[in-house]
N, C-alpha and C. Protein backbone atom coordinates (compact mmCIF):
# COMPACT_ATOMS: atom_id res chain seq x y z
N UNK A 1 -2.35 -2.70 -30.21
CA UNK A 1 -3.66 -3.02 -29.66
C UNK A 1 -4.67 -1.99 -30.13
N UNK A 2 -5.81 -2.43 -30.56
CA UNK A 2 -6.82 -1.56 -31.13
C UNK A 2 -8.09 -1.63 -30.30
N UNK A 3 -8.47 -0.49 -29.70
CA UNK A 3 -9.71 -0.43 -28.94
C UNK A 3 -10.87 0.07 -29.79
N UNK A 4 -10.58 0.43 -31.02
CA UNK A 4 -11.61 1.03 -31.86
C UNK A 4 -12.48 -0.01 -32.54
N UNK A 5 -13.71 0.40 -32.81
CA UNK A 5 -14.56 -0.38 -33.69
C UNK A 5 -15.34 -1.50 -33.07
N UNK A 6 -15.24 -1.72 -31.76
CA UNK A 6 -15.95 -2.82 -31.13
C UNK A 6 -17.31 -2.36 -30.63
N UNK A 7 -18.22 -3.31 -30.46
CA UNK A 7 -19.51 -2.99 -29.88
C UNK A 7 -19.37 -2.92 -28.36
N UNK A 8 -20.26 -2.19 -27.70
CA UNK A 8 -20.26 -2.10 -26.25
C UNK A 8 -20.79 -3.40 -25.66
N UNK A 9 -20.23 -3.98 -24.57
CA UNK A 9 -19.02 -3.48 -23.92
C UNK A 9 -17.77 -3.78 -24.72
N UNK A 10 -16.86 -2.80 -24.77
CA UNK A 10 -15.62 -2.97 -25.51
C UNK A 10 -14.62 -3.74 -24.65
N UNK A 11 -13.86 -4.62 -25.27
CA UNK A 11 -12.94 -5.46 -24.53
C UNK A 11 -11.59 -5.50 -25.23
N UNK A 12 -10.56 -5.52 -24.44
CA UNK A 12 -9.21 -5.83 -24.91
C UNK A 12 -8.68 -6.91 -23.99
N UNK A 13 -8.07 -7.93 -24.55
CA UNK A 13 -7.74 -9.09 -23.75
C UNK A 13 -6.56 -8.88 -22.80
N UNK A 14 -5.43 -8.45 -23.31
CA UNK A 14 -4.27 -8.39 -22.42
C UNK A 14 -3.20 -7.49 -22.99
N UNK A 15 -2.48 -6.84 -22.10
CA UNK A 15 -1.32 -6.05 -22.49
C UNK A 15 -0.31 -6.15 -21.36
N UNK A 16 0.93 -6.42 -21.70
CA UNK A 16 1.99 -6.49 -20.71
C UNK A 16 3.10 -5.55 -21.14
N UNK A 17 3.64 -4.81 -20.17
CA UNK A 17 4.67 -3.83 -20.50
C UNK A 17 5.71 -3.81 -19.38
N UNK A 18 6.99 -3.80 -19.75
CA UNK A 18 8.03 -3.79 -18.71
C UNK A 18 9.29 -3.06 -19.18
N UNK A 19 9.19 -1.77 -19.50
CA UNK A 19 10.40 -1.03 -19.82
C UNK A 19 11.18 -0.72 -18.56
N UNK A 20 12.47 -0.51 -18.70
CA UNK A 20 13.30 -0.14 -17.56
C UNK A 20 13.33 1.36 -17.36
N UNK A 21 13.23 2.10 -18.45
CA UNK A 21 13.17 3.55 -18.37
C UNK A 21 12.59 4.06 -19.68
N UNK A 22 12.21 5.30 -19.72
CA UNK A 22 11.64 5.87 -20.92
C UNK A 22 12.25 7.23 -21.19
N UNK A 23 11.83 7.88 -22.28
CA UNK A 23 12.36 9.19 -22.60
C UNK A 23 11.95 10.21 -21.55
N UNK A 24 12.82 11.16 -21.30
CA UNK A 24 12.58 12.18 -20.30
C UNK A 24 12.18 13.48 -20.98
N UNK A 25 11.40 14.29 -20.29
CA UNK A 25 11.16 15.66 -20.70
C UNK A 25 11.63 16.53 -19.55
N UNK A 26 12.55 17.43 -19.84
CA UNK A 26 13.26 18.13 -18.77
C UNK A 26 12.49 19.28 -18.14
N UNK A 27 11.44 19.76 -18.79
CA UNK A 27 10.84 21.01 -18.33
C UNK A 27 9.39 20.90 -17.90
N UNK A 28 8.60 20.04 -18.51
CA UNK A 28 7.15 20.02 -18.28
C UNK A 28 6.76 18.75 -17.54
N UNK A 29 6.17 18.96 -16.35
CA UNK A 29 5.84 17.84 -15.48
C UNK A 29 4.96 16.81 -16.18
N UNK A 30 3.87 17.26 -16.84
CA UNK A 30 2.91 16.31 -17.42
C UNK A 30 3.53 15.49 -18.56
N UNK A 31 4.60 15.99 -19.18
CA UNK A 31 5.27 15.23 -20.22
C UNK A 31 6.35 14.31 -19.66
N UNK A 32 6.85 14.65 -18.49
CA UNK A 32 7.87 13.81 -17.85
C UNK A 32 7.26 12.57 -17.20
N UNK A 33 6.00 12.65 -16.79
CA UNK A 33 5.39 11.56 -16.02
C UNK A 33 5.29 10.24 -16.79
N UNK A 34 4.76 10.22 -18.02
CA UNK A 34 4.62 8.92 -18.72
C UNK A 34 5.97 8.39 -19.17
N UNK A 35 6.28 7.16 -18.79
CA UNK A 35 7.50 6.51 -19.27
C UNK A 35 7.19 5.55 -20.41
N UNK A 36 5.99 4.98 -20.39
CA UNK A 36 5.49 4.21 -21.53
C UNK A 36 3.97 4.29 -21.45
N UNK A 37 3.37 4.95 -22.42
CA UNK A 37 1.93 5.22 -22.37
C UNK A 37 1.28 4.78 -23.68
N UNK A 38 0.22 4.00 -23.56
CA UNK A 38 -0.59 3.58 -24.70
C UNK A 38 -1.97 4.23 -24.58
N UNK A 39 -2.59 4.51 -25.73
CA UNK A 39 -3.92 5.09 -25.71
C UNK A 39 -4.84 4.40 -26.70
N UNK A 40 -6.14 4.46 -26.42
CA UNK A 40 -7.13 3.87 -27.32
C UNK A 40 -7.12 4.61 -28.65
N UNK A 41 -7.53 3.91 -29.71
CA UNK A 41 -7.52 4.50 -31.05
C UNK A 41 -8.76 5.34 -31.31
N UNK A 42 -9.66 5.40 -30.37
CA UNK A 42 -10.82 6.28 -30.47
C UNK A 42 -11.23 6.72 -29.08
N UNK A 43 -12.11 7.69 -29.01
CA UNK A 43 -12.65 8.11 -27.72
C UNK A 43 -13.96 7.39 -27.44
N UNK A 44 -14.36 7.42 -26.17
CA UNK A 44 -15.59 6.75 -25.72
C UNK A 44 -16.50 7.79 -25.09
N UNK A 45 -17.72 7.86 -25.56
CA UNK A 45 -18.66 8.90 -25.11
C UNK A 45 -19.08 8.67 -23.66
N UNK A 46 -19.14 9.76 -22.92
CA UNK A 46 -19.70 9.75 -21.57
C UNK A 46 -21.16 10.15 -21.68
N UNK A 47 -22.05 9.29 -21.19
CA UNK A 47 -23.47 9.55 -21.29
C UNK A 47 -23.86 10.78 -20.48
N UNK A 48 -24.72 11.64 -21.03
CA UNK A 48 -25.16 12.81 -20.26
C UNK A 48 -26.18 12.48 -19.18
N UNK A 49 -26.81 11.29 -19.24
CA UNK A 49 -27.89 10.99 -18.30
C UNK A 49 -27.83 9.59 -17.69
N UNK A 50 -26.76 8.83 -17.99
CA UNK A 50 -26.57 7.53 -17.37
C UNK A 50 -25.14 7.44 -16.83
N UNK A 51 -24.90 6.44 -16.01
CA UNK A 51 -23.56 6.24 -15.46
C UNK A 51 -22.70 5.51 -16.49
N UNK A 52 -21.56 6.08 -16.81
CA UNK A 52 -20.63 5.50 -17.77
C UNK A 52 -19.52 4.80 -17.00
N UNK A 53 -19.28 3.53 -17.33
CA UNK A 53 -18.36 2.69 -16.55
C UNK A 53 -17.18 2.27 -17.42
N UNK A 54 -15.97 2.41 -16.86
CA UNK A 54 -14.74 1.95 -17.49
C UNK A 54 -14.06 0.98 -16.52
N UNK A 55 -13.69 -0.21 -17.00
CA UNK A 55 -13.11 -1.23 -16.12
C UNK A 55 -11.88 -1.86 -16.75
N UNK A 56 -11.04 -2.42 -15.90
CA UNK A 56 -9.86 -3.17 -16.34
C UNK A 56 -9.40 -4.06 -15.20
N UNK A 57 -8.70 -5.12 -15.55
CA UNK A 57 -7.93 -5.87 -14.57
C UNK A 57 -6.48 -5.46 -14.74
N UNK A 58 -5.83 -5.08 -13.65
CA UNK A 58 -4.47 -4.55 -13.72
C UNK A 58 -3.63 -5.06 -12.56
N UNK A 59 -2.37 -5.34 -12.84
CA UNK A 59 -1.40 -5.71 -11.82
C UNK A 59 -0.08 -5.01 -12.09
N UNK A 60 0.75 -4.91 -11.06
CA UNK A 60 2.02 -4.20 -11.21
C UNK A 60 3.07 -4.80 -10.30
N UNK A 61 4.31 -4.73 -10.76
CA UNK A 61 5.47 -5.03 -9.93
C UNK A 61 6.56 -4.02 -10.26
N UNK A 62 7.15 -3.43 -9.24
CA UNK A 62 8.20 -2.44 -9.46
C UNK A 62 9.53 -2.95 -8.92
N UNK A 63 10.62 -2.39 -9.45
CA UNK A 63 11.97 -2.84 -9.10
C UNK A 63 12.85 -1.62 -8.80
N UNK A 64 13.70 -1.78 -7.79
CA UNK A 64 14.66 -0.73 -7.43
C UNK A 64 13.97 0.61 -7.23
N UNK A 65 12.74 0.56 -6.74
CA UNK A 65 11.99 1.79 -6.49
C UNK A 65 11.47 1.77 -5.06
N UNK A 66 10.92 2.87 -4.64
CA UNK A 66 10.27 2.95 -3.34
C UNK A 66 8.79 2.63 -3.56
N UNK A 67 8.42 1.37 -3.41
CA UNK A 67 7.06 0.93 -3.72
C UNK A 67 6.03 1.48 -2.73
N UNK A 68 6.50 2.07 -1.62
CA UNK A 68 5.58 2.72 -0.69
C UNK A 68 5.29 4.16 -1.09
N UNK A 69 6.00 4.66 -2.09
CA UNK A 69 5.78 6.01 -2.61
C UNK A 69 5.12 5.87 -3.98
N UNK A 70 3.85 6.19 -4.07
CA UNK A 70 3.12 6.03 -5.31
C UNK A 70 3.73 6.83 -6.46
N UNK A 71 4.47 7.87 -6.16
CA UNK A 71 4.99 8.74 -7.21
C UNK A 71 6.24 8.19 -7.89
N UNK A 72 6.89 7.19 -7.27
CA UNK A 72 8.22 6.78 -7.73
C UNK A 72 8.18 5.88 -8.96
N UNK A 73 7.18 5.03 -9.09
CA UNK A 73 7.01 4.16 -10.26
C UNK A 73 5.69 3.42 -10.09
N UNK A 74 4.85 3.44 -11.13
CA UNK A 74 3.57 2.76 -11.00
C UNK A 74 3.00 2.42 -12.36
N UNK A 75 2.10 1.44 -12.36
CA UNK A 75 1.26 1.14 -13.52
C UNK A 75 -0.04 1.91 -13.36
N UNK A 76 -0.58 2.39 -14.49
CA UNK A 76 -1.79 3.18 -14.40
C UNK A 76 -2.84 2.80 -15.43
N UNK A 77 -4.09 2.96 -15.02
CA UNK A 77 -5.27 2.87 -15.89
C UNK A 77 -5.82 4.28 -15.95
N UNK A 78 -5.81 4.88 -17.14
CA UNK A 78 -5.95 6.32 -17.28
C UNK A 78 -7.17 6.65 -18.13
N UNK A 79 -8.03 7.53 -17.63
CA UNK A 79 -9.15 8.06 -18.41
C UNK A 79 -8.90 9.53 -18.65
N UNK A 80 -8.87 9.93 -19.93
CA UNK A 80 -8.45 11.28 -20.30
C UNK A 80 -9.50 11.94 -21.19
N UNK A 81 -10.01 13.08 -20.76
CA UNK A 81 -10.90 13.90 -21.59
C UNK A 81 -10.17 15.20 -21.88
N UNK A 82 -9.52 15.28 -23.02
CA UNK A 82 -8.72 16.45 -23.34
C UNK A 82 -9.56 17.67 -23.69
N UNK A 83 -10.85 17.47 -24.00
CA UNK A 83 -11.71 18.62 -24.29
C UNK A 83 -12.02 19.44 -23.04
N UNK A 84 -11.98 18.79 -21.88
CA UNK A 84 -12.22 19.48 -20.61
C UNK A 84 -11.01 19.48 -19.70
N UNK A 85 -10.01 18.64 -20.00
CA UNK A 85 -8.84 18.51 -19.15
C UNK A 85 -9.00 17.52 -18.02
N UNK A 86 -10.16 16.86 -17.91
CA UNK A 86 -10.40 15.98 -16.78
C UNK A 86 -9.69 14.64 -16.95
N UNK A 87 -9.11 14.16 -15.83
CA UNK A 87 -8.37 12.91 -15.77
C UNK A 87 -8.88 12.11 -14.57
N UNK A 88 -9.15 10.81 -14.79
CA UNK A 88 -9.59 9.91 -13.73
C UNK A 88 -8.74 8.65 -13.83
N UNK A 89 -7.92 8.34 -12.82
CA UNK A 89 -6.94 7.25 -12.93
C UNK A 89 -7.01 6.32 -11.73
N UNK A 90 -6.65 5.06 -11.97
CA UNK A 90 -6.24 4.13 -10.92
C UNK A 90 -4.77 3.82 -11.13
N UNK A 91 -3.99 3.74 -10.04
CA UNK A 91 -2.57 3.45 -10.16
C UNK A 91 -2.17 2.43 -9.09
N UNK A 92 -1.06 1.71 -9.36
CA UNK A 92 -0.58 0.71 -8.41
C UNK A 92 0.93 0.55 -8.54
N UNK A 93 1.60 0.40 -7.41
CA UNK A 93 3.03 0.06 -7.40
C UNK A 93 3.26 -1.43 -7.21
N UNK A 94 2.18 -2.18 -6.97
CA UNK A 94 2.30 -3.59 -6.60
C UNK A 94 2.34 -3.78 -5.10
N UNK A 95 2.52 -2.69 -4.36
CA UNK A 95 2.41 -2.72 -2.90
C UNK A 95 1.38 -1.73 -2.38
N UNK A 96 1.12 -0.69 -3.16
CA UNK A 96 0.11 0.30 -2.79
C UNK A 96 -0.77 0.59 -4.00
N UNK A 97 -2.01 0.95 -3.72
CA UNK A 97 -2.97 1.35 -4.74
C UNK A 97 -3.35 2.79 -4.49
N UNK A 98 -3.54 3.55 -5.56
CA UNK A 98 -3.96 4.93 -5.43
C UNK A 98 -4.89 5.33 -6.55
N UNK A 99 -5.47 6.50 -6.40
CA UNK A 99 -6.31 7.10 -7.44
C UNK A 99 -5.78 8.50 -7.72
N UNK A 100 -5.95 8.94 -8.96
CA UNK A 100 -5.62 10.31 -9.33
C UNK A 100 -6.87 10.97 -9.88
N UNK A 101 -7.18 12.13 -9.32
CA UNK A 101 -8.29 12.97 -9.77
C UNK A 101 -7.68 14.29 -10.17
N UNK A 102 -7.84 14.67 -11.44
CA UNK A 102 -7.01 15.74 -11.97
C UNK A 102 -7.74 16.51 -13.05
N UNK A 103 -7.39 17.79 -13.16
CA UNK A 103 -7.75 18.58 -14.32
C UNK A 103 -6.48 19.23 -14.84
N UNK A 104 -6.09 18.83 -16.04
CA UNK A 104 -4.81 19.25 -16.59
C UNK A 104 -4.80 20.74 -16.92
N UNK A 105 -3.61 21.31 -16.85
CA UNK A 105 -3.40 22.68 -17.30
C UNK A 105 -3.19 22.65 -18.81
N UNK A 106 -4.23 23.00 -19.55
CA UNK A 106 -4.21 22.98 -21.01
C UNK A 106 -4.56 24.38 -21.51
N UNK A 107 -3.66 25.04 -22.21
CA UNK A 107 -3.95 26.39 -22.71
C UNK A 107 -5.24 26.42 -23.53
N UNK A 108 -6.09 27.39 -23.23
CA UNK A 108 -7.37 27.51 -23.91
C UNK A 108 -8.49 26.69 -23.30
N UNK A 109 -8.14 25.78 -22.38
CA UNK A 109 -9.13 24.95 -21.70
C UNK A 109 -9.17 25.25 -20.21
N UNK A 110 -8.01 25.30 -19.59
CA UNK A 110 -7.91 25.58 -18.16
C UNK A 110 -6.80 26.60 -17.93
N UNK A 111 -6.73 27.09 -16.70
CA UNK A 111 -5.62 27.97 -16.30
C UNK A 111 -5.14 27.51 -14.93
N UNK A 112 -4.21 28.25 -14.34
CA UNK A 112 -3.64 27.83 -13.06
C UNK A 112 -4.67 27.82 -11.93
N UNK A 113 -5.75 28.56 -12.09
CA UNK A 113 -6.78 28.58 -11.06
C UNK A 113 -7.74 27.40 -11.17
N UNK A 114 -7.95 26.90 -12.39
CA UNK A 114 -8.94 25.83 -12.57
C UNK A 114 -8.29 24.45 -12.69
N UNK A 115 -6.99 24.37 -12.92
CA UNK A 115 -6.29 23.08 -12.98
C UNK A 115 -5.97 22.59 -11.57
N UNK A 116 -5.96 21.28 -11.38
CA UNK A 116 -5.63 20.70 -10.07
C UNK A 116 -5.20 19.26 -10.25
N UNK A 117 -4.51 18.74 -9.25
CA UNK A 117 -4.13 17.32 -9.20
C UNK A 117 -4.26 16.82 -7.78
N UNK A 118 -5.00 15.73 -7.59
CA UNK A 118 -5.10 15.08 -6.29
C UNK A 118 -4.65 13.63 -6.44
N UNK A 119 -3.73 13.22 -5.59
CA UNK A 119 -3.28 11.85 -5.50
C UNK A 119 -3.85 11.26 -4.22
N UNK A 120 -4.68 10.24 -4.36
CA UNK A 120 -5.47 9.73 -3.23
C UNK A 120 -5.02 8.34 -2.83
N UNK A 121 -4.83 8.15 -1.53
CA UNK A 121 -4.65 6.83 -0.95
C UNK A 121 -5.86 6.53 -0.05
N UNK A 122 -6.20 5.26 0.08
CA UNK A 122 -7.36 4.88 0.89
C UNK A 122 -6.96 3.72 1.80
N UNK A 123 -6.18 4.00 2.85
CA UNK A 123 -5.67 2.92 3.70
C UNK A 123 -6.74 2.15 4.45
N UNK A 124 -7.94 2.72 4.57
CA UNK A 124 -9.01 2.04 5.31
C UNK A 124 -10.06 1.42 4.37
N UNK A 125 -9.72 1.30 3.10
CA UNK A 125 -10.66 0.73 2.13
C UNK A 125 -10.78 -0.78 2.26
N UNK A 126 -9.80 -1.42 2.92
CA UNK A 126 -9.81 -2.88 3.04
C UNK A 126 -9.22 -3.59 1.85
N UNK A 127 -8.64 -2.84 0.91
CA UNK A 127 -8.07 -3.43 -0.31
C UNK A 127 -6.56 -3.54 -0.14
N UNK A 128 -6.04 -4.75 -0.27
CA UNK A 128 -4.61 -4.98 -0.15
C UNK A 128 -4.09 -5.61 -1.43
N UNK A 129 -2.86 -5.28 -1.78
CA UNK A 129 -2.29 -5.84 -2.99
C UNK A 129 -0.91 -6.38 -2.71
N UNK A 130 -0.32 -7.00 -3.72
CA UNK A 130 1.04 -7.52 -3.66
C UNK A 130 1.60 -7.52 -5.08
N UNK A 131 2.92 -7.59 -5.24
CA UNK A 131 3.50 -7.50 -6.58
C UNK A 131 2.90 -8.52 -7.55
N UNK A 132 2.43 -8.00 -8.69
CA UNK A 132 1.88 -8.84 -9.75
C UNK A 132 0.43 -9.25 -9.58
N UNK A 133 -0.17 -8.98 -8.44
CA UNK A 133 -1.55 -9.40 -8.20
C UNK A 133 -2.51 -8.56 -9.03
N UNK A 134 -3.44 -9.24 -9.71
CA UNK A 134 -4.45 -8.55 -10.52
C UNK A 134 -5.65 -8.16 -9.67
N UNK A 135 -6.12 -6.95 -9.88
CA UNK A 135 -7.35 -6.48 -9.26
C UNK A 135 -8.27 -5.96 -10.35
N UNK A 136 -9.56 -5.99 -10.08
CA UNK A 136 -10.51 -5.38 -10.99
C UNK A 136 -10.73 -3.93 -10.56
N UNK A 137 -10.45 -3.02 -11.47
CA UNK A 137 -10.61 -1.60 -11.20
C UNK A 137 -11.76 -1.05 -12.04
N UNK A 138 -12.58 -0.23 -11.44
CA UNK A 138 -13.75 0.34 -12.11
C UNK A 138 -13.83 1.82 -11.78
N UNK A 139 -14.00 2.65 -12.81
CA UNK A 139 -14.23 4.08 -12.63
C UNK A 139 -15.57 4.40 -13.27
N UNK A 140 -16.46 5.00 -12.48
CA UNK A 140 -17.82 5.25 -12.91
C UNK A 140 -18.08 6.75 -12.90
N UNK A 141 -18.48 7.27 -14.05
CA UNK A 141 -18.69 8.70 -14.20
C UNK A 141 -20.17 8.98 -14.41
N UNK A 142 -20.74 9.78 -13.52
CA UNK A 142 -22.13 10.22 -13.64
C UNK A 142 -22.09 11.70 -14.00
N UNK A 143 -22.13 12.00 -15.29
CA UNK A 143 -21.95 13.37 -15.75
C UNK A 143 -23.07 14.29 -15.26
N UNK A 144 -24.29 13.78 -15.24
CA UNK A 144 -25.43 14.63 -14.87
C UNK A 144 -25.35 15.07 -13.41
N UNK A 145 -24.76 14.24 -12.56
CA UNK A 145 -24.62 14.57 -11.15
C UNK A 145 -23.24 15.12 -10.81
N UNK A 146 -22.38 15.27 -11.84
CA UNK A 146 -21.01 15.76 -11.64
C UNK A 146 -20.29 14.92 -10.57
N UNK A 147 -20.36 13.60 -10.76
CA UNK A 147 -19.80 12.67 -9.77
C UNK A 147 -18.94 11.63 -10.47
N UNK A 148 -17.83 11.27 -9.83
CA UNK A 148 -16.98 10.16 -10.30
C UNK A 148 -16.66 9.28 -9.11
N UNK A 149 -16.68 7.96 -9.33
CA UNK A 149 -16.42 7.00 -8.26
C UNK A 149 -15.40 5.98 -8.74
N UNK A 150 -14.50 5.63 -7.83
CA UNK A 150 -13.45 4.64 -8.09
C UNK A 150 -13.73 3.41 -7.22
N UNK A 151 -13.75 2.21 -7.84
CA UNK A 151 -13.97 0.96 -7.12
C UNK A 151 -12.82 0.00 -7.43
N UNK A 152 -12.34 -0.70 -6.42
CA UNK A 152 -11.33 -1.74 -6.59
C UNK A 152 -11.89 -3.03 -6.02
N UNK A 153 -11.96 -4.07 -6.85
CA UNK A 153 -12.54 -5.35 -6.44
C UNK A 153 -13.92 -5.17 -5.84
N UNK A 154 -14.68 -4.24 -6.41
CA UNK A 154 -16.05 -4.01 -5.98
C UNK A 154 -16.20 -3.14 -4.74
N UNK A 155 -15.08 -2.73 -4.13
CA UNK A 155 -15.12 -1.90 -2.93
C UNK A 155 -14.87 -0.44 -3.29
N UNK A 156 -15.62 0.44 -2.63
CA UNK A 156 -15.43 1.87 -2.87
C UNK A 156 -14.04 2.30 -2.44
N UNK A 157 -13.33 2.96 -3.35
CA UNK A 157 -11.99 3.46 -3.06
C UNK A 157 -11.98 4.98 -2.87
N UNK A 158 -12.72 5.67 -3.73
CA UNK A 158 -12.76 7.14 -3.66
C UNK A 158 -13.98 7.63 -4.41
N UNK A 159 -14.50 8.79 -3.99
CA UNK A 159 -15.62 9.41 -4.67
C UNK A 159 -15.34 10.91 -4.79
N UNK A 160 -15.57 11.46 -5.97
CA UNK A 160 -15.42 12.90 -6.20
C UNK A 160 -16.79 13.48 -6.52
N UNK A 161 -17.25 14.38 -5.68
CA UNK A 161 -18.50 15.10 -5.93
C UNK A 161 -18.16 16.48 -6.48
N UNK A 162 -19.06 17.03 -7.24
CA UNK A 162 -18.84 18.37 -7.75
C UNK A 162 -17.74 18.46 -8.78
N UNK A 163 -17.64 17.45 -9.65
CA UNK A 163 -16.68 17.52 -10.75
C UNK A 163 -16.94 18.82 -11.51
N UNK A 164 -15.91 19.64 -11.76
CA UNK A 164 -16.14 21.01 -12.23
C UNK A 164 -16.77 21.14 -13.61
N UNK A 165 -16.63 20.13 -14.45
CA UNK A 165 -17.24 20.13 -15.79
C UNK A 165 -17.77 18.74 -16.08
N UNK A 166 -18.65 18.63 -17.05
CA UNK A 166 -19.16 17.33 -17.46
C UNK A 166 -18.22 16.71 -18.48
N UNK A 167 -17.57 15.59 -18.13
CA UNK A 167 -16.75 14.90 -19.13
C UNK A 167 -17.60 14.47 -20.32
N UNK A 168 -17.02 14.51 -21.51
CA UNK A 168 -17.79 14.23 -22.72
C UNK A 168 -17.23 13.06 -23.53
N UNK A 169 -15.95 13.10 -23.84
CA UNK A 169 -15.32 12.06 -24.66
C UNK A 169 -14.03 11.62 -23.98
N UNK A 170 -13.91 10.34 -23.67
CA UNK A 170 -12.78 9.83 -22.89
C UNK A 170 -11.89 8.95 -23.76
N UNK A 171 -10.60 9.21 -23.72
CA UNK A 171 -9.61 8.30 -24.27
C UNK A 171 -9.11 7.41 -23.14
N UNK A 172 -9.03 6.11 -23.38
CA UNK A 172 -8.52 5.17 -22.39
C UNK A 172 -7.02 5.02 -22.57
N UNK A 173 -6.28 5.13 -21.47
CA UNK A 173 -4.84 4.95 -21.53
C UNK A 173 -4.37 3.95 -20.49
N UNK A 174 -3.19 3.39 -20.72
CA UNK A 174 -2.57 2.49 -19.76
C UNK A 174 -1.06 2.54 -20.00
N UNK A 175 -0.30 2.35 -18.92
CA UNK A 175 1.14 2.41 -19.09
C UNK A 175 1.86 2.52 -17.77
N UNK A 176 3.13 2.90 -17.85
CA UNK A 176 4.02 3.00 -16.68
C UNK A 176 4.43 4.47 -16.51
N UNK A 177 4.46 4.91 -15.26
CA UNK A 177 4.61 6.33 -14.99
C UNK A 177 5.45 6.58 -13.74
N UNK A 178 5.91 7.82 -13.62
CA UNK A 178 6.34 8.40 -12.35
C UNK A 178 5.48 9.65 -12.14
N UNK A 179 5.59 10.24 -10.97
CA UNK A 179 4.81 11.44 -10.67
C UNK A 179 5.61 12.40 -9.80
N UNK A 180 6.88 12.53 -10.11
CA UNK A 180 7.74 13.43 -9.35
C UNK A 180 7.85 14.77 -10.05
N UNK A 181 7.67 15.88 -9.33
CA UNK A 181 7.74 17.19 -9.97
C UNK A 181 9.10 17.45 -10.61
N UNK A 182 9.08 18.21 -11.68
CA UNK A 182 10.32 18.63 -12.34
C UNK A 182 11.00 19.67 -11.48
N UNK A 183 12.30 19.49 -11.24
CA UNK A 183 13.08 20.46 -10.46
C UNK A 183 13.32 21.70 -11.32
N UNK A 184 13.06 22.90 -10.76
CA UNK A 184 13.21 24.11 -11.58
C UNK A 184 14.64 24.37 -12.06
N UNK A 185 15.62 23.80 -11.37
CA UNK A 185 17.02 23.98 -11.76
C UNK A 185 17.54 22.76 -12.51
N UNK A 186 17.34 21.56 -11.96
CA UNK A 186 17.89 20.34 -12.54
C UNK A 186 17.04 19.77 -13.67
N UNK A 187 15.80 20.18 -13.76
CA UNK A 187 14.89 19.56 -14.72
C UNK A 187 14.34 18.25 -14.16
N UNK A 188 14.18 17.25 -15.02
CA UNK A 188 13.60 15.98 -14.60
C UNK A 188 14.51 15.26 -13.61
N UNK A 189 13.90 14.82 -12.51
CA UNK A 189 14.62 14.03 -11.50
C UNK A 189 13.86 12.73 -11.22
N UNK A 190 13.05 12.29 -12.18
CA UNK A 190 12.14 11.17 -11.94
C UNK A 190 12.79 9.80 -12.07
N UNK A 191 13.93 9.71 -12.74
CA UNK A 191 14.56 8.41 -13.01
C UNK A 191 15.81 8.24 -12.16
N UNK A 192 15.86 7.09 -11.46
CA UNK A 192 17.07 6.77 -10.68
C UNK A 192 17.41 5.28 -10.82
N UNK A 193 17.04 4.67 -11.96
CA UNK A 193 17.36 3.27 -12.19
C UNK A 193 16.24 2.31 -11.86
N UNK A 194 15.06 2.83 -11.52
CA UNK A 194 13.95 1.95 -11.19
C UNK A 194 13.27 1.42 -12.45
N UNK A 195 12.48 0.38 -12.27
CA UNK A 195 11.74 -0.22 -13.38
C UNK A 195 10.42 -0.75 -12.89
N UNK A 196 9.58 -1.20 -13.83
CA UNK A 196 8.27 -1.72 -13.46
C UNK A 196 7.74 -2.63 -14.56
N UNK A 197 6.88 -3.55 -14.17
CA UNK A 197 6.12 -4.38 -15.10
C UNK A 197 4.64 -4.18 -14.80
N UNK A 198 3.87 -3.89 -15.84
CA UNK A 198 2.43 -3.76 -15.69
C UNK A 198 1.70 -4.77 -16.54
N UNK A 199 0.58 -5.24 -16.06
CA UNK A 199 -0.28 -6.17 -16.80
C UNK A 199 -1.70 -5.60 -16.79
N UNK A 200 -2.33 -5.55 -17.97
CA UNK A 200 -3.70 -5.07 -18.13
C UNK A 200 -4.47 -6.06 -18.98
N UNK A 201 -5.70 -6.35 -18.62
CA UNK A 201 -6.54 -7.20 -19.46
C UNK A 201 -8.01 -6.94 -19.17
N UNK A 202 -8.84 -7.40 -20.10
CA UNK A 202 -10.29 -7.33 -19.95
C UNK A 202 -10.78 -5.90 -19.72
N UNK A 203 -10.37 -5.00 -20.60
CA UNK A 203 -10.92 -3.65 -20.61
C UNK A 203 -12.41 -3.71 -20.96
N UNK A 204 -13.22 -2.92 -20.26
CA UNK A 204 -14.66 -2.89 -20.54
C UNK A 204 -15.17 -1.45 -20.45
N UNK A 205 -16.16 -1.16 -21.28
CA UNK A 205 -16.82 0.14 -21.31
C UNK A 205 -18.31 -0.12 -21.52
N UNK A 206 -19.14 0.42 -20.62
CA UNK A 206 -20.58 0.22 -20.77
C UNK A 206 -21.33 1.28 -19.98
N UNK A 207 -22.62 1.33 -20.22
CA UNK A 207 -23.50 2.25 -19.50
C UNK A 207 -24.30 1.48 -18.46
N UNK A 208 -24.45 2.09 -17.30
CA UNK A 208 -25.16 1.45 -16.20
C UNK A 208 -26.49 2.16 -15.94
């Protein structure tokens, strides 16, 4: 799938993925998390003075997993700015929806004091899902106001004020993940026979 070279709004029609397991990384949490990850072939500029919007329709179904635990297996819509370390995600197990607000630990960009990860649930948002159900997910970044907002089916899911840096260039990602910390003795403990199917379509990028 190629996200490069299109005029705004950029669109990708559909992607379906259903691996049962993926390669493990025994030592580094951020490398152990993706079990199957796809990325756009180019980056997308974040406007310095307008709201930049990224959207997708996404659905998920998980198997032999704890679908009430967002960390155990999920489909994700991922926005990654590696120049600043900022990450803005929507995730779903097919029974629960969550958001991830994160700044990666990247040598030369961040350190242990400036890196962070927040996994957000919004039980009072009024948004309910079920296995395989598609929802429209929208992440809106206002760089000038250092603000990011997550919307699901047009409803506010989460808002981050005071984003520590202005995102500049975003790579769009999608795939299947876990989010379980690496055990300092055993290494990766993220796989126990679970699986997932994710569906993504109608990717959009535009300025508001």
